Amino acid sequence: MASPLLAARLLVLCLLCGGACAAAKRRYLSVSMDELLGGSSKKAHVDCPPWNKSAPSPHRPRGIPISYPPTIPPAEAPAVTIPDSTGTSLGTLEFVVTVGFGTPAQTYTLMFDTGSDVSWIQCLPCSGHCYKQHDPIFDPTKSATYSAVPCGHPQCAAAGGKCSSNGTCLYKVQYGDGSSTAGVLSHETLSLTSARALPGFAFGCGETNLGDFGDVDGLIGLGRGQLSLSSQAAASFGAAFSYCLPSYNTSHGYLTIGTTTPASGSDGVRYTAMIQKQDYPSFYFVDLVSIVVGGFVLPVPPILFTRDGTLLDSGTVLTYLPPEAYTALRDRFKFTMTQYKPAPAYDPFDTCYDFAGQNAIFMPLVSFKFSDGSSFDLSPFGVLIFPDDTAPATGCLAFVPRPSTMPFTIVGNTQQRNTEMIYDVAAEKIGFVSGSC
């Protein structure tokens, strides 16, 4: 028999759904605290990842062997699938994969980013600056397949067309947070697995790398530009890629280059149009028009989103909404969560709750709606975040208002967790498959 407290919660949910209890499964989520916090069997937090980057978990292996057997859907030939994971043990808030560079192949753990094109690793002789990384820095002289890209090569023009005095192509990438990488644009064999490789892969051999990259060995660019991994691999694997960012910090998701079958047990793919903006040709935009919280459409005009556009970015941790939209989301979320004890704000989150003693949490389903009628339903891991290891039962609404300096709305990787994100570049569409990892 249901307890009085549980019955009261269900009554609240029915009232909030307009009395339509049959629709509650679609409008509200029920998730156990063990599942949200990882449980004793998983021993993980859903803190995505810890905000104190100086104190990564000492219990997590520092790197993933290239042959690690992940739980992933089978890739259709000629696609290739590799495991991904959080970079918390390497001091980064990004998600990482491990691949091989050179002949013989040396393994490197790299963050992957849909918001940039050039892939790079740190290279000797580090003529400018190399930060401390997890693996030995790549030595081009020890690879039988390394070569510098000459100035006249078309890929040099794609990298900016700058040349050194000896006729080799130079590259430089400046990121939004002020970090940067610069060095020699190069060709090398990229081993995605021990059996699947991409010869002649153009990448940056970084000799001056500045900023906070944690201990990762570099970056894989998955943007729309000519130099991204997805673009260079299109002829071999198809003009598509997908990934699933794991729910837990000690579990694995996957990154697939090429077309693959969605994870078994999923509810199918929901596609929306992939939008390209002339000012940002490498970015993946979608036409977000509204946000629904527990079946309630936020009273926000669509132009608030469509005027500047909405970017999907695996390399941004949080989701940044227009301030008016964030306020509406926060207020509606608070309205549906009155049965829980408020907790102090935890920067940058201003809406937090103390869930100590709760066996399960009932929360509204948050869904992004697009102009073509499609939608993206967030998992519980994309709605609540547990950022404080010293207060593990404190969960916060995992959204923040967009600063005035940010030119568009961004859907970050926290909201993408547990969902397969499918980038079908050839068909100009992006798909969402909930509950995929």
Protein backbone atom coordinates (compact mmCIF):
# COMPACT_ATOMS: atom_id res chain seq x y z
CA MET A 1 0.00 0.00 0.00
CA ALA A 2 1.29 3.46 -0.89
CA SER A 3 2.41 5.65 2.00
CA PRO A 4 0.46 8.87 2.72
CA LEU A 5 3.49 10.91 1.64
CA LEU A 6 3.75 9.07 -1.69
CA ALA A 7 0.01 9.41 -2.25
CA ALA A 8 0.23 13.15 -1.58
CA ARG A 9 3.03 13.50 -4.11
CA LEU A 10 1.06 11.62 -6.75
CA LEU A 11 -1.93 13.86 -6.04
CA VAL A 12 0.23 16.94 -6.55
CA LEU A 13 1.46 15.52 -9.85
CA CYS A 14 -2.08 14.86 -11.04
CA LEU A 15 -3.17 18.37 -10.14
CA LEU A 16 -0.20 19.88 -11.94
CA CYS A 17 -1.05 17.82 -15.02
CA GLY A 18 -4.55 19.26 -15.08
CA GLY A 19 -5.96 16.08 -13.53
CA ALA A 20 -4.73 13.93 -16.40
CA CYS A 21 -2.93 11.29 -14.35
CA ALA A 22 -2.64 9.06 -17.40
CA ALA A 23 -0.34 11.65 -18.96
CA ALA A 24 1.88 11.95 -15.88
CA LYS A 25 4.43 9.51 -17.29
CA ARG A 26 5.00 11.82 -20.23
CA ARG A 27 5.03 15.04 -18.21
CA TYR A 28 6.84 14.05 -15.02
CA LEU A 29 9.82 11.90 -14.15
CA SER A 30 10.25 9.65 -11.13
CA VAL A 31 13.83 8.68 -10.40
CA SER A 32 15.36 7.06 -7.34
CA MET A 33 18.09 8.79 -5.42
CA ASP A 34 20.26 5.69 -5.86
CA GLU A 35 19.95 6.09 -9.62
CA LEU A 36 20.68 9.82 -9.57
CA LEU A 37 23.67 9.46 -7.27
CA GLY A 38 24.96 6.27 -8.82
CA GLY A 39 23.95 3.93 -6.00
CA SER A 40 26.21 1.68 -3.99
CA SER A 41 26.59 -0.65 -6.96
CA LYS A 42 27.76 2.12 -9.31
CA LYS A 43 29.70 4.24 -6.81
CA ALA A 44 29.36 7.37 -8.90
CA HIS A 45 27.97 10.85 -8.60
CA VAL A 46 26.00 12.59 -11.30
CA ASP A 47 27.97 15.75 -10.69
CA CYS A 48 28.91 16.04 -14.36
CA PRO A 49 31.79 16.38 -13.48
CA PRO A 50 33.00 17.72 -10.13
CA TRP A 51 33.24 21.50 -10.16
CA ASN A 52 36.40 21.36 -8.06
CA LYS A 53 38.70 20.46 -10.94
CA SER A 54 41.74 20.41 -8.66
CA ALA A 55 40.46 17.31 -6.89
CA PRO A 56 39.66 14.58 -9.38
CA SER A 57 38.59 11.19 -8.04
CA PRO A 58 41.65 9.09 -7.10
CA HIS A 59 39.68 5.87 -7.71
CA ARG A 60 39.15 6.33 -11.43
CA PRO A 61 41.75 5.09 -13.95
CA ARG A 62 43.62 7.94 -15.61
CA GLY A 63 42.94 7.04 -19.23
CA ILE A 64 41.02 4.45 -21.24
CA PRO A 65 42.87 1.74 -23.14
CA ILE A 66 42.10 1.90 -26.83
CA SER A 67 40.83 -1.69 -26.67
CA TYR A 68 38.45 -1.06 -23.76
CA PRO A 69 35.21 -3.01 -24.44
CA PRO A 70 32.33 -0.54 -23.93
CA THR A 71 28.63 -1.30 -23.84
CA ILE A 72 27.61 0.27 -27.13
CA PRO A 73 25.25 -0.38 -30.00
CA PRO A 74 26.83 -2.20 -32.95
CA ALA A 75 28.15 0.16 -35.60
CA GLU A 76 27.03 -0.47 -39.15
CA ALA A 77 29.90 -0.88 -41.60
CA PRO A 78 31.80 1.20 -42.38
CA ALA A 79 31.10 3.15 -39.18
CA VAL A 80 33.43 2.82 -36.21
CA THR A 81 32.46 3.16 -32.54
CA ILE A 82 34.76 3.91 -29.60
CA PRO A 83 34.01 4.46 -25.89
CA ASP A 84 33.75 7.90 -24.37
CA SER A 85 33.76 8.96 -20.72
CA THR A 86 33.94 12.02 -18.51
CA GLY A 87 37.34 13.64 -18.19
CA THR A 88 37.07 14.17 -14.43
CA SER A 89 40.16 12.09 -13.62
CA LEU A 90 42.10 14.29 -16.05
CA GLY A 91 40.92 17.55 -14.50
CA THR A 92 38.60 18.60 -17.32
CA LEU A 93 34.86 19.25 -17.53
CA GLU A 94 34.75 17.82 -21.07
CA PHE A 95 34.15 14.28 -22.34
CA VAL A 96 37.06 12.28 -23.71
CA VAL A 97 37.98 9.41 -26.01
CA THR A 98 41.23 7.52 -26.45
CA VAL A 99 42.72 7.10 -29.93
CA GLY A 100 46.09 6.36 -31.48
CA PHE A 101 48.44 8.63 -33.42
CA GLY A 102 51.43 7.59 -35.53
CA THR A 103 53.13 4.41 -36.69
CA PRO A 104 53.54 2.56 -34.42
CA ALA A 105 50.39 3.97 -32.80
CA GLN A 106 50.70 5.74 -29.47
CA THR A 107 47.48 6.19 -27.48
CA TYR A 108 46.26 9.63 -26.42
CA THR A 109 43.18 10.69 -24.48
CA LEU A 110 41.52 13.70 -26.10
CA MET A 111 38.44 15.78 -25.35
CA PHE A 112 35.98 15.95 -28.25
CA ASP A 113 34.22 19.12 -29.27
CA THR A 114 31.40 19.71 -31.76
CA GLY A 115 32.13 23.45 -31.54
CA SER A 116 35.54 23.38 -33.23
CA ASP A 117 37.19 21.86 -36.31
CA VAL A 118 40.93 21.36 -35.84
CA SER A 119 42.03 18.26 -33.94
CA TRP A 120 45.37 18.59 -32.18
CA ILE A 121 47.78 16.96 -29.77
CA GLN A 122 50.82 18.39 -28.01
CA CYS A 123 54.03 17.74 -29.92
CA LEU A 124 57.73 17.87 -29.28
CA PRO A 125 59.88 19.91 -29.33
CA CYS A 126 57.31 22.21 -27.61
CA SER A 127 59.03 25.29 -28.99
CA GLY A 128 56.49 27.57 -27.29
CA HIS A 129 54.72 25.97 -24.32
CA CYS A 130 53.35 22.53 -23.52
CA TYR A 131 51.32 21.96 -20.36
CA LYS A 132 51.59 18.85 -18.20
CA GLN A 133 49.53 16.07 -19.76
CA HIS A 134 48.66 12.50 -18.82
CA ASP A 135 50.57 10.67 -21.55
CA PRO A 136 54.03 11.23 -23.04
CA ILE A 137 54.02 14.11 -25.52
CA PHE A 138 53.93 13.00 -29.16
CA ASP A 139 57.32 12.91 -30.89
CA PRO A 140 56.86 13.24 -34.68
CA THR A 141 60.39 11.96 -35.34
CA LYS A 142 59.45 8.54 -33.95
CA SER A 143 56.53 7.95 -36.34
CA ALA A 144 57.00 6.43 -39.80
CA THR A 145 53.84 8.09 -41.16
CA TYR A 146 54.18 11.69 -39.95
CA SER A 147 54.55 14.60 -42.35
CA ALA A 148 54.06 18.35 -42.17
CA VAL A 149 51.42 19.85 -44.47
CA PRO A 150 53.05 22.04 -47.13
CA CYS A 151 51.90 25.62 -47.64
CA GLY A 152 50.34 24.97 -51.03
CA HIS A 153 48.04 22.21 -49.77
CA PRO A 154 44.27 22.98 -49.81
CA GLN A 155 44.04 22.02 -46.14
CA CYS A 156 46.50 24.78 -45.32
CA ALA A 157 44.06 27.32 -46.73
CA ALA A 158 41.34 25.81 -44.51
CA ALA A 159 43.63 26.33 -41.51
CA GLY A 160 44.19 30.00 -42.32
CA GLY A 161 46.96 29.76 -44.91
CA LYS A 162 49.84 30.84 -42.66
CA CYS A 163 53.28 29.47 -43.49
CA SER A 164 56.62 29.11 -41.78
CA SER A 165 59.91 30.19 -43.32
CA ASN A 166 60.64 26.58 -44.35
CA GLY A 167 57.37 26.25 -46.27
CA THR A 168 55.30 24.24 -43.79
CA CYS A 169 51.74 25.17 -42.89
CA LEU A 170 51.01 26.73 -39.50
CA TYR A 171 47.73 26.73 -37.58
CA LYS A 172 46.33 28.55 -34.58
CA VAL A 173 43.01 28.09 -32.78
CA GLN A 174 41.66 30.47 -30.16
CA TYR A 175 38.80 29.19 -27.98
CA GLY A 176 36.02 31.13 -26.35
CA ASP A 177 37.50 30.79 -22.86
CA GLY A 178 40.77 32.41 -23.96
CA SER A 179 42.77 29.17 -24.29
CA SER A 180 44.62 28.49 -27.52
CA THR A 181 46.77 26.06 -29.47
CA ALA A 182 49.27 26.75 -32.24
CA GLY A 183 51.83 24.77 -34.17
CA VAL A 184 52.36 22.86 -37.41
CA LEU A 185 49.46 21.51 -39.45
CA SER A 186 50.41 17.89 -40.07
CA HIS A 187 49.36 14.57 -41.57
CA GLU A 188 49.40 11.35 -39.56
CA THR A 189 47.67 7.99 -39.27
CA LEU A 190 44.81 8.24 -36.76
CA SER A 191 43.88 4.87 -35.21
CA LEU A 192 40.28 5.00 -34.00
CA THR A 193 40.51 1.37 -32.82
CA SER A 194 43.21 -1.27 -33.10
CA ALA A 195 41.62 -2.39 -36.38
CA ARG A 196 40.27 0.84 -37.91
CA ALA A 197 42.51 3.73 -38.94
CA LEU A 198 42.33 6.93 -40.97
CA PRO A 199 45.65 7.49 -42.84
CA GLY A 200 46.71 10.98 -43.81
CA PHE A 201 44.58 12.62 -41.12
CA ALA A 202 45.19 16.38 -40.94
CA PHE A 203 45.72 17.60 -37.38
CA GLY A 204 47.55 20.24 -35.41
CA CYS A 205 50.91 19.31 -33.96
CA GLY A 206 50.67 21.77 -31.09
CA GLU A 207 53.87 23.35 -29.86
CA THR A 208 52.32 26.36 -28.06
CA ASN A 209 49.28 25.37 -26.03
CA LEU A 210 47.97 27.87 -23.50
CA GLY A 211 45.05 27.75 -21.09
CA ASP A 212 43.28 25.19 -18.94
CA PHE A 213 43.04 21.85 -20.73
CA GLY A 214 43.44 19.75 -17.61
CA ASP A 215 45.72 16.76 -18.18
CA VAL A 216 44.21 15.66 -21.49
CA ASP A 217 46.53 15.18 -24.43
CA GLY A 218 44.64 17.38 -26.89
CA LEU A 219 41.31 17.70 -28.68
CA ILE A 220 39.25 16.13 -31.46
CA GLY A 221 37.25 18.64 -33.49
CA LEU A 222 33.83 17.50 -34.72
CA GLY A 223 32.60 20.77 -36.24
CA ARG A 224 31.27 21.28 -39.77
CA GLY A 225 34.52 22.62 -41.19
CA GLN A 226 36.83 20.88 -43.66
CA LEU A 227 39.45 19.95 -41.05
CA SER A 228 37.19 18.28 -38.48
CA LEU A 229 37.43 14.53 -37.90
CA SER A 230 33.86 14.03 -39.05
CA SER A 231 34.52 15.89 -42.32
CA GLN A 232 37.80 14.12 -43.04
CA ALA A 233 36.27 10.72 -42.25
CA ALA A 234 33.13 11.26 -44.35
CA ALA A 235 34.56 9.60 -47.47
CA SER A 236 35.52 6.49 -45.50
CA PHE A 237 32.76 6.20 -42.90
CA GLY A 238 29.91 8.40 -44.15
CA ALA A 239 28.91 12.00 -43.47
CA ALA A 240 27.44 11.39 -40.03
CA PHE A 241 28.53 10.87 -36.45
CA SER A 242 26.85 10.35 -33.11
CA TYR A 243 27.68 10.11 -29.44
CA CYS A 244 26.12 9.29 -26.11
CA LEU A 245 27.50 10.99 -23.02
CA PRO A 246 27.25 8.65 -20.03
CA SER A 247 24.91 9.33 -17.13
CA TYR A 248 27.53 8.47 -14.52
CA ASN A 249 31.10 9.62 -14.11
CA THR A 250 32.36 6.03 -13.77
CA SER A 251 30.50 4.59 -16.76
CA HIS A 252 31.12 4.83 -20.48
CA GLY A 253 29.16 6.10 -23.44
CA TYR A 254 30.26 6.02 -27.04
CA LEU A 255 31.34 8.09 -30.02
CA THR A 256 30.50 6.73 -33.48
CA ILE A 257 32.00 8.07 -36.69
CA GLY A 258 29.61 7.11 -39.49
CA THR A 259 26.00 5.92 -39.44
CA THR A 260 24.91 3.56 -36.69
CA THR A 261 21.76 1.93 -35.39
CA PRO A 262 20.27 3.66 -32.30
CA ALA A 263 20.72 1.83 -29.01
CA SER A 264 18.39 -1.12 -28.47
CA GLY A 265 15.40 -0.45 -26.25
CA SER A 266 15.20 3.19 -27.29
CA ASP A 267 11.97 4.92 -28.29
CA GLY A 268 13.28 5.78 -31.74
CA VAL A 269 14.95 8.84 -33.19
CA ARG A 270 13.41 12.31 -33.15
CA TYR A 271 15.01 14.46 -35.83
CA THR A 272 15.10 18.22 -36.23
CA ALA A 273 16.69 20.37 -38.91
CA MET A 274 20.40 21.17 -38.69
CA ILE A 275 20.74 24.93 -39.15
CA GLN A 276 23.89 26.61 -40.46
CA LYS A 277 24.62 30.26 -39.79
CA GLN A 278 26.83 32.23 -42.15
CA ASP A 279 28.70 33.92 -39.31
CA TYR A 280 29.42 30.57 -37.61
CA PRO A 281 29.84 28.03 -40.45
CA SER A 282 31.39 25.31 -38.26
CA PHE A 283 28.64 25.23 -35.62
CA TYR A 284 25.55 23.02 -35.35
CA PHE A 285 22.47 25.14 -34.72
CA VAL A 286 18.87 24.04 -34.16
CA ASP A 287 15.69 26.12 -34.35
CA LEU A 288 14.53 26.04 -30.73
CA VAL A 289 11.21 27.87 -30.27
CA SER A 290 9.93 26.88 -26.81
CA ILE A 291 10.60 24.94 -23.62
CA VAL A 292 8.00 22.76 -21.92
CA VAL A 293 8.18 22.00 -18.19
CA GLY A 294 5.86 19.29 -16.90
CA GLY A 295 3.50 19.79 -19.84
CA PHE A 296 3.44 23.57 -19.35
CA VAL A 297 4.76 25.67 -22.24
CA LEU A 298 6.84 28.50 -20.83
CA PRO A 299 5.33 31.92 -21.67
CA VAL A 300 8.37 33.02 -23.65
CA PRO A 301 8.12 34.41 -27.23
CA PRO A 302 9.88 32.16 -29.78
CA ILE A 303 11.88 35.12 -31.11
CA LEU A 304 13.82 35.07 -27.86
CA PHE A 305 15.44 31.86 -29.14
CA THR A 306 15.22 32.27 -32.91
CA ARG A 307 16.68 35.79 -33.08
CA ASP A 308 20.19 34.60 -32.19
CA GLY A 309 19.86 30.85 -32.65
CA THR A 310 20.57 27.84 -30.42
CA LEU A 311 23.85 25.95 -30.59
CA LEU A 312 24.35 22.30 -29.65
CA ASP A 313 27.85 22.00 -28.19
CA SER A 314 29.51 18.98 -26.60
CA GLY A 315 32.36 21.22 -25.48
CA THR A 316 30.23 23.49 -23.27
CA VAL A 317 29.28 22.01 -19.89
CA LEU A 318 26.06 23.88 -19.05
CA THR A 319 23.03 25.13 -20.95
CA TYR A 320 22.83 28.92 -21.26
CA LEU A 321 19.34 30.33 -21.84
CA PRO A 322 18.19 33.89 -22.54
CA PRO A 323 17.63 35.46 -19.09
CA GLU A 324 13.87 35.80 -19.62
CA ALA A 325 13.61 32.14 -20.64
CA TYR A 326 15.76 31.03 -17.73
CA THR A 327 13.63 32.96 -15.24
CA ALA A 328 10.46 31.37 -16.63
CA LEU A 329 12.03 27.91 -16.48
CA ARG A 330 13.30 28.39 -12.94
CA ASP A 331 9.98 29.75 -11.67
CA ARG A 332 7.96 26.92 -13.20
CA PHE A 333 10.42 24.35 -11.89
CA LYS A 334 10.12 25.81 -8.39
CA PHE A 335 6.33 25.68 -8.67
CA THR A 336 6.48 21.93 -9.35
CA MET A 337 9.06 21.21 -6.61
CA THR A 338 7.45 22.84 -3.56
CA GLN A 339 7.36 19.51 -1.71
CA TYR A 340 11.16 19.56 -1.37
CA LYS A 341 13.30 21.52 1.03
CA PRO A 342 15.21 24.41 -0.62
CA ALA A 343 18.98 24.45 -0.23
CA PRO A 344 21.44 27.35 -0.49
CA ALA A 345 22.53 28.36 -3.99
CA TYR A 346 25.71 26.76 -5.30
CA ASP A 347 27.48 29.00 -7.79
CA PRO A 348 26.56 29.20 -10.64
CA PHE A 349 23.25 27.50 -9.74
CA ASP A 350 20.59 29.53 -7.94
CA THR A 351 17.87 26.88 -7.51
CA CYS A 352 18.89 23.98 -5.29
CA TYR A 353 17.15 21.44 -3.05
CA ASP A 354 18.10 19.25 -0.12
CA PHE A 355 16.98 15.74 -1.02
CA ALA A 356 18.43 14.10 2.10
CA GLY A 357 16.18 11.29 3.27
CA GLN A 358 14.32 11.01 -0.03
CA ASN A 359 14.07 7.61 -1.68
CA ALA A 360 12.91 9.05 -4.99
CA ILE A 361 12.50 12.42 -6.66
CA PHE A 362 9.47 13.45 -8.71
CA MET A 363 10.43 16.17 -11.15
CA PRO A 364 8.88 17.70 -14.25
CA LEU A 365 9.95 16.51 -17.66
CA VAL A 366 11.82 19.31 -19.44
CA SER A 367 11.52 19.27 -23.21
CA PHE A 368 12.98 21.49 -25.93
CA LYS A 369 10.55 22.12 -28.80
CA PHE A 370 11.70 23.00 -32.31
CA SER A 371 10.03 24.92 -35.14
CA ASP A 372 9.48 21.76 -37.23
CA GLY A 373 7.44 20.15 -34.44
CA SER A 374 10.19 17.85 -33.17
CA SER A 375 11.28 17.75 -29.54
CA PHE A 376 14.18 16.75 -27.31
CA ASP A 377 13.13 15.33 -23.93
CA LEU A 378 15.86 15.70 -21.33
CA SER A 379 16.75 12.83 -19.02
CA PRO A 380 16.76 13.39 -15.24
CA PHE A 381 20.54 13.80 -15.51
CA GLY A 382 19.98 16.84 -17.72
CA VAL A 383 17.52 18.50 -15.33
CA LEU A 384 19.17 18.11 -11.93
CA ILE A 385 22.86 18.31 -11.16
CA PHE A 386 24.55 17.36 -7.87
CA PRO A 387 27.61 19.62 -7.85
CA ASP A 388 28.87 19.44 -4.25
CA ASP A 389 30.67 16.29 -3.07
CA THR A 390 30.46 17.57 0.50
CA ALA A 391 26.65 17.69 0.27
CA PRO A 392 25.84 14.77 -2.03
CA ALA A 393 22.05 15.03 -1.54
CA THR A 394 21.93 18.65 -2.74
CA GLY A 395 20.61 18.84 -6.28
CA CYS A 396 20.36 21.99 -8.38
CA LEU A 397 18.49 22.97 -11.51
CA ALA A 398 21.12 22.41 -14.20
CA PHE A 399 20.60 25.60 -16.24
CA VAL A 400 22.02 29.11 -16.07
CA PRO A 401 21.10 32.47 -17.63
CA ARG A 402 23.07 33.47 -20.69
CA PRO A 403 25.54 36.31 -20.13
CA SER A 404 25.19 39.41 -22.30
CA THR A 405 28.49 38.65 -24.03
CA MET A 406 27.27 35.26 -25.29
CA PRO A 407 25.94 35.67 -28.86
CA PHE A 408 23.45 32.79 -28.83
CA THR A 409 21.74 30.17 -26.68
CA ILE A 410 23.84 27.06 -25.99
CA VAL A 411 22.67 23.54 -25.10
CA GLY A 412 25.65 22.06 -23.27
CA ASN A 413 26.78 18.54 -22.55
CA THR A 414 25.03 18.22 -19.17
CA GLN A 415 21.64 18.35 -20.90
CA GLN A 416 22.88 15.89 -23.54
CA ARG A 417 23.79 13.13 -21.07
CA ASN A 418 22.05 9.76 -21.43
CA THR A 419 20.87 10.70 -24.97
CA GLU A 420 22.33 9.57 -28.26
CA MET A 421 22.97 12.73 -30.29
CA ILE A 422 22.98 11.95 -34.02
CA TYR A 423 24.55 14.46 -36.42
CA ASP A 424 23.48 13.45 -39.92
CA VAL A 425 25.47 16.06 -41.79
CA ALA A 426 24.61 14.68 -45.24
CA ALA A 427 20.87 14.96 -44.53
CA GLU A 428 21.21 18.23 -42.59
CA LYS A 429 19.41 16.92 -39.51
CA ILE A 430 20.11 16.17 -35.84
CA GLY A 431 18.51 13.27 -33.99
CA PHE A 432 17.85 12.55 -30.33
CA VAL A 433 17.46 9.09 -28.79
CA SER A 434 16.73 9.20 -25.06
CA GLY A 435 18.04 6.60 -22.60
CA SER A 436 20.88 5.38 -24.81
CA CYS A 437 23.74 5.04 -22.32
